[in-house]
Amino acid sequence: MFKKRLEKNPYQLMAFAAFVDLFILCVCWEWFISPLRPGGSWLILKGIPLLFAIPGIWHGKVYTMQWASMLILLYATEGLVRILETGANFWLAALETLLATIGFICLLIYLKPIKARAKILKKQQAQVK
């Protein structure tokens, strides 16, 4: 038997890729590229919250995407704060800010029609009552 081909929205795929790349960046940055302390730091743990969002984004779960869109703003903020550092940290922070911004925008674009349909449905249900 053939499995049904999974059709993914391009914005869903881009958000998924941004979250995965952001997780990899966070781990590599704080482990061996430019850790706060030689040998790595506990800041490597900042990538863990992304792991909770990645499966839900892949499966298109609206609730996960809603809270993930708020979570990713923390990474954008960290990137903007750390962009003031010099050397490799500047480029890593710029990449973190870029990935977080891409992920955030893609999630919003993906969720917009879903939220609009939910609003219309709610309005119709209110009229029936």
N, C-alpha and C. Protein backbone atom coordinates (compact mmCIF):
# COMPACT_ATOMS: atom_id res chain seq x y z
N MET A 1 0.83 -1.18 0.00
CA MET A 1 0.00 0.00 0.00
C MET A 1 0.88 1.25 0.00
N PHE A 2 0.34 2.25 -0.64
CA PHE A 2 1.07 3.51 -0.71
C PHE A 2 0.62 4.44 0.40
N LYS A 3 1.59 5.09 0.98
CA LYS A 3 1.25 6.08 2.01
C LYS A 3 0.86 7.39 1.33
N LYS A 4 -0.07 8.07 1.94
CA LYS A 4 -0.48 9.36 1.42
C LYS A 4 0.70 10.34 1.54
N ARG A 5 0.97 11.01 0.46
CA ARG A 5 2.07 11.98 0.46
C ARG A 5 1.71 13.15 1.36
N LEU A 6 2.63 13.48 2.24
CA LEU A 6 2.41 14.59 3.15
C LEU A 6 2.67 15.91 2.45
N GLU A 7 1.69 16.74 2.41
CA GLU A 7 1.84 18.07 1.83
C GLU A 7 2.05 19.06 2.96
N LYS A 8 3.16 19.69 2.96
CA LYS A 8 3.48 20.68 3.99
C LYS A 8 3.44 22.07 3.37
N ASN A 9 2.93 22.99 4.13
CA ASN A 9 2.92 24.39 3.74
C ASN A 9 4.36 24.88 3.71
N PRO A 10 4.77 25.67 2.70
CA PRO A 10 6.16 26.14 2.65
C PRO A 10 6.55 26.98 3.88
N TYR A 11 5.60 27.73 4.43
CA TYR A 11 5.92 28.53 5.61
C TYR A 11 6.11 27.63 6.84
N GLN A 12 5.36 26.54 6.88
CA GLN A 12 5.55 25.57 7.96
C GLN A 12 6.94 24.94 7.86
N LEU A 13 7.36 24.59 6.65
CA LEU A 13 8.68 24.00 6.46
C LEU A 13 9.80 24.99 6.79
N MET A 14 9.60 26.25 6.40
CA MET A 14 10.62 27.27 6.70
C MET A 14 10.71 27.51 8.20
N ALA A 15 9.58 27.53 8.89
CA ALA A 15 9.59 27.70 10.34
C ALA A 15 10.27 26.51 11.00
N PHE A 16 9.96 25.31 10.53
CA PHE A 16 10.59 24.10 11.05
C PHE A 16 12.11 24.17 10.87
N ALA A 17 12.54 24.54 9.67
CA ALA A 17 13.98 24.64 9.39
C ALA A 17 14.63 25.71 10.26
N ALA A 18 13.95 26.83 10.46
CA ALA A 18 14.51 27.90 11.29
C ALA A 18 14.68 27.43 12.73
N PHE A 19 13.70 26.69 13.27
CA PHE A 19 13.80 26.19 14.64
C PHE A 19 14.92 25.17 14.78
N VAL A 20 15.03 24.25 13.82
CA VAL A 20 16.10 23.25 13.87
C VAL A 20 17.46 23.93 13.77
N ASP A 21 17.59 24.84 12.83
CA ASP A 21 18.87 25.55 12.66
C ASP A 21 19.20 26.39 13.89
N LEU A 22 18.20 26.99 14.48
CA LEU A 22 18.42 27.79 15.68
C LEU A 22 18.88 26.92 16.84
N PHE A 23 18.30 25.73 16.97
CA PHE A 23 18.74 24.80 18.00
C PHE A 23 20.20 24.41 17.79
N ILE A 24 20.54 24.05 16.56
CA ILE A 24 21.93 23.66 16.25
C ILE A 24 22.87 24.82 16.53
N LEU A 25 22.48 26.02 16.13
CA LEU A 25 23.31 27.21 16.39
C LEU A 25 23.54 27.42 17.88
N CYS A 26 22.47 27.33 18.67
CA CYS A 26 22.60 27.55 20.12
C CYS A 26 23.56 26.55 20.76
N VAL A 27 23.42 25.29 20.38
CA VAL A 27 24.28 24.26 20.96
C VAL A 27 25.73 24.47 20.54
N CYS A 28 25.96 24.66 19.25
CA CYS A 28 27.33 24.83 18.75
C CYS A 28 27.98 26.09 19.30
N TRP A 29 27.22 27.16 19.38
CA TRP A 29 27.75 28.43 19.86
C TRP A 29 28.24 28.30 21.29
N GLU A 30 27.44 27.73 22.15
CA GLU A 30 27.79 27.67 23.57
C GLU A 30 28.62 26.45 23.94
N TRP A 31 28.78 25.51 23.02
CA TRP A 31 29.58 24.33 23.34
C TRP A 31 31.02 24.49 22.88
N PHE A 32 31.19 24.84 21.58
CA PHE A 32 32.57 24.86 21.10
C PHE A 32 32.95 26.04 20.20
N ILE A 33 32.01 26.75 19.60
CA ILE A 33 32.41 27.85 18.72
C ILE A 33 32.92 29.04 19.52
N SER A 34 32.11 29.53 20.45
CA SER A 34 32.51 30.69 21.24
C SER A 34 31.81 30.67 22.61
N PRO A 35 32.11 29.66 23.43
CA PRO A 35 31.43 29.58 24.74
C PRO A 35 31.91 30.68 25.69
N LEU A 36 31.09 30.97 26.68
CA LEU A 36 31.48 31.96 27.68
C LEU A 36 32.71 31.52 28.46
N ARG A 37 32.80 30.22 28.71
CA ARG A 37 33.96 29.65 29.40
C ARG A 37 34.59 28.58 28.52
N PRO A 38 35.91 28.42 28.57
CA PRO A 38 36.54 27.36 27.76
C PRO A 38 35.96 25.99 28.10
N GLY A 39 35.69 25.20 27.07
CA GLY A 39 35.13 23.87 27.28
C GLY A 39 33.61 23.85 27.28
N GLY A 40 32.98 24.99 27.11
CA GLY A 40 31.51 25.05 27.06
C GLY A 40 30.93 25.68 28.31
N SER A 41 29.68 26.04 28.23
CA SER A 41 29.00 26.65 29.37
C SER A 41 27.59 26.09 29.49
N TRP A 42 26.96 26.39 30.60
CA TRP A 42 25.60 25.93 30.84
C TRP A 42 24.59 26.62 29.93
N LEU A 43 25.01 27.66 29.24
CA LEU A 43 24.10 28.32 28.30
C LEU A 43 23.71 27.41 27.14
N ILE A 44 24.39 26.28 27.02
CA ILE A 44 24.02 25.30 26.00
C ILE A 44 22.57 24.84 26.21
N LEU A 45 22.10 24.92 27.44
CA LEU A 45 20.74 24.47 27.77
C LEU A 45 19.66 25.39 27.20
N LYS A 46 20.05 26.56 26.72
CA LYS A 46 19.05 27.49 26.18
C LYS A 46 18.37 26.93 24.92
N GLY A 47 18.94 25.93 24.32
CA GLY A 47 18.35 25.34 23.12
C GLY A 47 17.25 24.34 23.42
N ILE A 48 17.16 23.87 24.65
CA ILE A 48 16.18 22.83 24.99
C ILE A 48 14.73 23.23 24.72
N PRO A 49 14.29 24.46 25.04
CA PRO A 49 12.89 24.80 24.74
C PRO A 49 12.53 24.65 23.26
N LEU A 50 13.49 24.84 22.39
CA LEU A 50 13.23 24.68 20.96
C LEU A 50 12.87 23.24 20.62
N LEU A 51 13.45 22.30 21.34
CA LEU A 51 13.18 20.88 21.09
C LEU A 51 11.71 20.53 21.34
N PHE A 52 11.08 21.23 22.26
CA PHE A 52 9.67 20.96 22.54
C PHE A 52 8.76 21.46 21.42
N ALA A 53 9.20 22.48 20.71
CA ALA A 53 8.37 23.07 19.65
C ALA A 53 8.55 22.38 18.30
N ILE A 54 9.72 21.83 18.04
CA ILE A 54 10.04 21.30 16.72
C ILE A 54 9.06 20.21 16.24
N PRO A 55 8.72 19.20 17.05
CA PRO A 55 7.78 18.19 16.54
C PRO A 55 6.39 18.76 16.23
N GLY A 56 5.92 19.66 17.07
CA GLY A 56 4.60 20.26 16.83
C GLY A 56 4.57 21.11 15.57
N ILE A 57 5.66 21.79 15.29
CA ILE A 57 5.73 22.59 14.06
C ILE A 57 5.72 21.66 12.85
N TRP A 58 6.46 20.56 12.94
CA TRP A 58 6.51 19.60 11.83
C TRP A 58 5.12 19.02 11.55
N HIS A 59 4.37 18.73 12.61
CA HIS A 59 3.05 18.13 12.46
C HIS A 59 1.94 19.17 12.23
N GLY A 60 2.28 20.44 12.26
CA GLY A 60 1.31 21.49 11.97
C GLY A 60 0.32 21.74 13.09
N LYS A 61 0.73 21.53 14.33
CA LYS A 61 -0.16 21.76 15.46
C LYS A 61 -0.25 23.26 15.76
N VAL A 62 -1.46 23.77 15.64
CA VAL A 62 -1.68 25.21 15.75
C VAL A 62 -1.31 25.72 17.14
N TYR A 63 -1.71 25.01 18.19
CA TYR A 63 -1.41 25.46 19.54
C TYR A 63 0.11 25.57 19.76
N THR A 64 0.84 24.57 19.29
CA THR A 64 2.30 24.59 19.43
C THR A 64 2.89 25.77 18.68
N MET A 65 2.38 26.02 17.49
CA MET A 65 2.90 27.14 16.70
C MET A 65 2.61 28.48 17.36
N GLN A 66 1.47 28.57 18.05
CA GLN A 66 1.14 29.82 18.72
C GLN A 66 2.14 30.10 19.85
N TRP A 67 2.39 29.12 20.72
CA TRP A 67 3.32 29.41 21.81
C TRP A 67 4.76 29.47 21.31
N ALA A 68 5.06 28.73 20.24
CA ALA A 68 6.42 28.79 19.68
C ALA A 68 6.71 30.16 19.09
N SER A 69 5.67 30.81 18.57
CA SER A 69 5.89 32.15 18.01
C SER A 69 6.25 33.15 19.11
N MET A 70 5.80 32.91 20.32
CA MET A 70 6.19 33.77 21.44
C MET A 70 7.56 33.36 21.99
N LEU A 71 7.83 32.05 22.00
CA LEU A 71 9.12 31.55 22.49
C LEU A 71 10.27 32.08 21.65
N ILE A 72 10.10 32.08 20.36
CA ILE A 72 11.21 32.44 19.47
C ILE A 72 11.60 33.91 19.61
N LEU A 73 10.70 34.71 20.15
CA LEU A 73 11.04 36.12 20.38
C LEU A 73 12.15 36.26 21.43
N LEU A 74 12.25 35.31 22.35
CA LEU A 74 13.34 35.33 23.33
C LEU A 74 14.69 35.17 22.64
N TYR A 75 14.73 34.32 21.63
CA TYR A 75 15.99 34.11 20.89
C TYR A 75 16.32 35.33 20.03
N ALA A 76 15.31 35.96 19.46
CA ALA A 76 15.55 37.18 18.70
C ALA A 76 16.09 38.27 19.62
N THR A 77 15.53 38.35 20.82
CA THR A 77 16.01 39.36 21.79
C THR A 77 17.44 39.08 22.20
N GLU A 78 17.75 37.80 22.48
CA GLU A 78 19.12 37.47 22.86
C GLU A 78 20.09 37.83 21.73
N GLY A 79 19.70 37.52 20.50
CA GLY A 79 20.55 37.84 19.36
C GLY A 79 20.78 39.34 19.23
N LEU A 80 19.74 40.12 19.45
CA LEU A 80 19.88 41.57 19.36
C LEU A 80 20.77 42.13 20.47
N VAL A 81 20.71 41.52 21.65
CA VAL A 81 21.55 41.98 22.77
C VAL A 81 23.00 41.59 22.52
N ARG A 82 23.21 40.36 22.08
CA ARG A 82 24.58 39.87 21.90
C ARG A 82 25.23 40.33 20.61
N ILE A 83 24.47 41.01 19.74
CA ILE A 83 25.05 41.51 18.50
C ILE A 83 26.05 42.64 18.79
N LEU A 84 26.00 43.16 19.99
CA LEU A 84 26.95 44.21 20.38
C LEU A 84 28.33 43.66 20.74
N GLU A 85 28.45 42.34 20.84
CA GLU A 85 29.75 41.73 21.13
C GLU A 85 30.61 41.75 19.87
N THR A 86 31.87 41.40 20.04
CA THR A 86 32.81 41.47 18.92
C THR A 86 33.20 40.07 18.46
N GLY A 87 33.87 40.02 17.32
CA GLY A 87 34.40 38.76 16.80
C GLY A 87 33.31 37.82 16.32
N ALA A 88 33.52 36.53 16.62
CA ALA A 88 32.57 35.49 16.18
C ALA A 88 31.20 35.69 16.80
N ASN A 89 31.15 36.22 18.02
CA ASN A 89 29.87 36.41 18.68
C ASN A 89 28.96 37.36 17.91
N PHE A 90 29.54 38.36 17.26
CA PHE A 90 28.73 39.27 16.45
C PHE A 90 28.01 38.51 15.34
N TRP A 91 28.76 37.68 14.60
CA TRP A 91 28.17 36.94 13.48
C TRP A 91 27.20 35.88 13.95
N LEU A 92 27.51 35.24 15.05
CA LEU A 92 26.59 34.24 15.60
C LEU A 92 25.30 34.89 16.08
N ALA A 93 25.41 36.05 16.70
CA ALA A 93 24.23 36.78 17.17
C ALA A 93 23.40 37.27 15.99
N ALA A 94 24.07 37.72 14.94
CA ALA A 94 23.34 38.16 13.75
C ALA A 94 22.59 36.99 13.11
N LEU A 95 23.23 35.82 13.07
CA LEU A 95 22.58 34.63 12.53
C LEU A 95 21.41 34.19 13.41
N GLU A 96 21.59 34.27 14.72
CA GLU A 96 20.51 33.92 15.64
C GLU A 96 19.31 34.86 15.45
N THR A 97 19.58 36.14 15.33
CA THR A 97 18.51 37.11 15.11
C THR A 97 17.80 36.84 13.78
N LEU A 98 18.56 36.55 12.75
CA LEU A 98 17.98 36.27 11.44
C LEU A 98 17.10 35.02 11.47
N LEU A 99 17.62 33.94 12.05
CA LEU A 99 16.84 32.69 12.12
C LEU A 99 15.57 32.86 12.95
N ALA A 100 15.69 33.56 14.07
CA ALA A 100 14.52 33.79 14.92
C ALA A 100 13.48 34.65 14.20
N THR A 101 13.93 35.64 13.48
CA THR A 101 13.01 36.51 12.74
C THR A 101 12.32 35.73 11.63
N ILE A 102 13.07 34.92 10.90
CA ILE A 102 12.48 34.10 9.85
C ILE A 102 11.45 33.14 10.44
N GLY A 103 11.81 32.47 11.52
CA GLY A 103 10.88 31.54 12.16
C GLY A 103 9.62 32.23 12.62
N PHE A 104 9.76 33.39 13.24
CA PHE A 104 8.62 34.14 13.75
C PHE A 104 7.68 34.56 12.61
N ILE A 105 8.25 35.14 11.56
CA ILE A 105 7.44 35.61 10.43
C ILE A 105 6.74 34.45 9.74
N CYS A 106 7.44 33.35 9.54
CA CYS A 106 6.83 32.18 8.89
C CYS A 106 5.68 31.61 9.72
N LEU A 107 5.86 31.57 11.03
CA LEU A 107 4.76 31.10 11.88
C LEU A 107 3.55 32.02 11.79
N LEU A 108 3.78 33.32 11.80
CA LEU A 108 2.66 34.26 11.70
C LEU A 108 1.94 34.14 10.36
N ILE A 109 2.69 34.00 9.29
CA ILE A 109 2.07 33.87 7.97
C ILE A 109 1.28 32.56 7.89
N TYR A 110 1.82 31.49 8.45
CA TYR A 110 1.13 30.20 8.44
C TYR A 110 -0.16 30.26 9.27
N LEU A 111 -0.10 30.93 10.41
CA LEU A 111 -1.24 30.94 11.33
C LEU A 111 -2.33 31.94 10.93
N LYS A 112 -2.00 32.95 10.15
CA LYS A 112 -2.97 34.01 9.84
C LYS A 112 -4.27 33.48 9.23
N PRO A 113 -4.24 32.66 8.16
CA PRO A 113 -5.51 32.17 7.61
C PRO A 113 -6.25 31.22 8.56
N ILE A 114 -5.53 30.49 9.36
CA ILE A 114 -6.16 29.59 10.32
C ILE A 114 -6.93 30.39 11.35
N LYS A 115 -6.31 31.45 11.85
CA LYS A 115 -6.97 32.31 12.84
C LYS A 115 -8.17 33.03 12.21
N ALA A 116 -8.05 33.44 10.95
CA ALA A 116 -9.15 34.12 10.27
C ALA A 116 -10.35 33.17 10.11
N ARG A 117 -10.08 31.91 9.73
CA ARG A 117 -11.17 30.93 9.61
C ARG A 117 -11.82 30.67 10.96
N ALA A 118 -11.03 30.60 12.01
CA ALA A 118 -11.58 30.37 13.35
C ALA A 118 -12.46 31.54 13.78
N LYS A 119 -12.05 32.74 13.44
CA LYS A 119 -12.84 33.93 13.79
C LYS A 119 -14.17 33.93 13.05
N ILE A 120 -14.15 33.57 11.76
CA ILE A 120 -15.39 33.51 10.97
C ILE A 120 -16.31 32.43 11.53
N LEU A 121 -15.76 31.28 11.85
CA LEU A 121 -16.56 30.18 12.40
C LEU A 121 -17.19 30.57 13.73
N LYS A 122 -16.42 31.25 14.56
CA LYS A 122 -16.95 31.70 15.86
C LYS A 122 -18.09 32.70 15.66
N LYS A 123 -17.94 33.58 14.69
CA LYS A 123 -18.97 34.58 14.39
C LYS A 123 -20.24 33.89 13.88
N GLN A 124 -20.07 32.88 13.02
CA GLN A 124 -21.22 32.14 12.51
C GLN A 124 -21.94 31.39 13.62
N GLN A 125 -21.17 30.80 14.53
CA GLN A 125 -21.78 30.07 15.64
C GLN A 125 -22.54 31.02 16.56
N ALA A 126 -22.03 32.23 16.73
CA ALA A 126 -22.71 33.21 17.58
C ALA A 126 -24.02 33.66 16.93
N GLN A 127 -24.07 33.73 15.62
CA GLN A 127 -25.29 34.13 14.93
C GLN A 127 -26.36 33.05 15.01
N VAL A 128 -25.94 31.79 15.04
CA VAL A 128 -26.89 30.67 15.12
C VAL A 128 -27.59 30.64 16.47
N LYS A 129 -26.88 31.00 17.51
CA LYS A 129 -27.44 30.95 18.86
C LYS A 129 -28.49 31.97 19.09
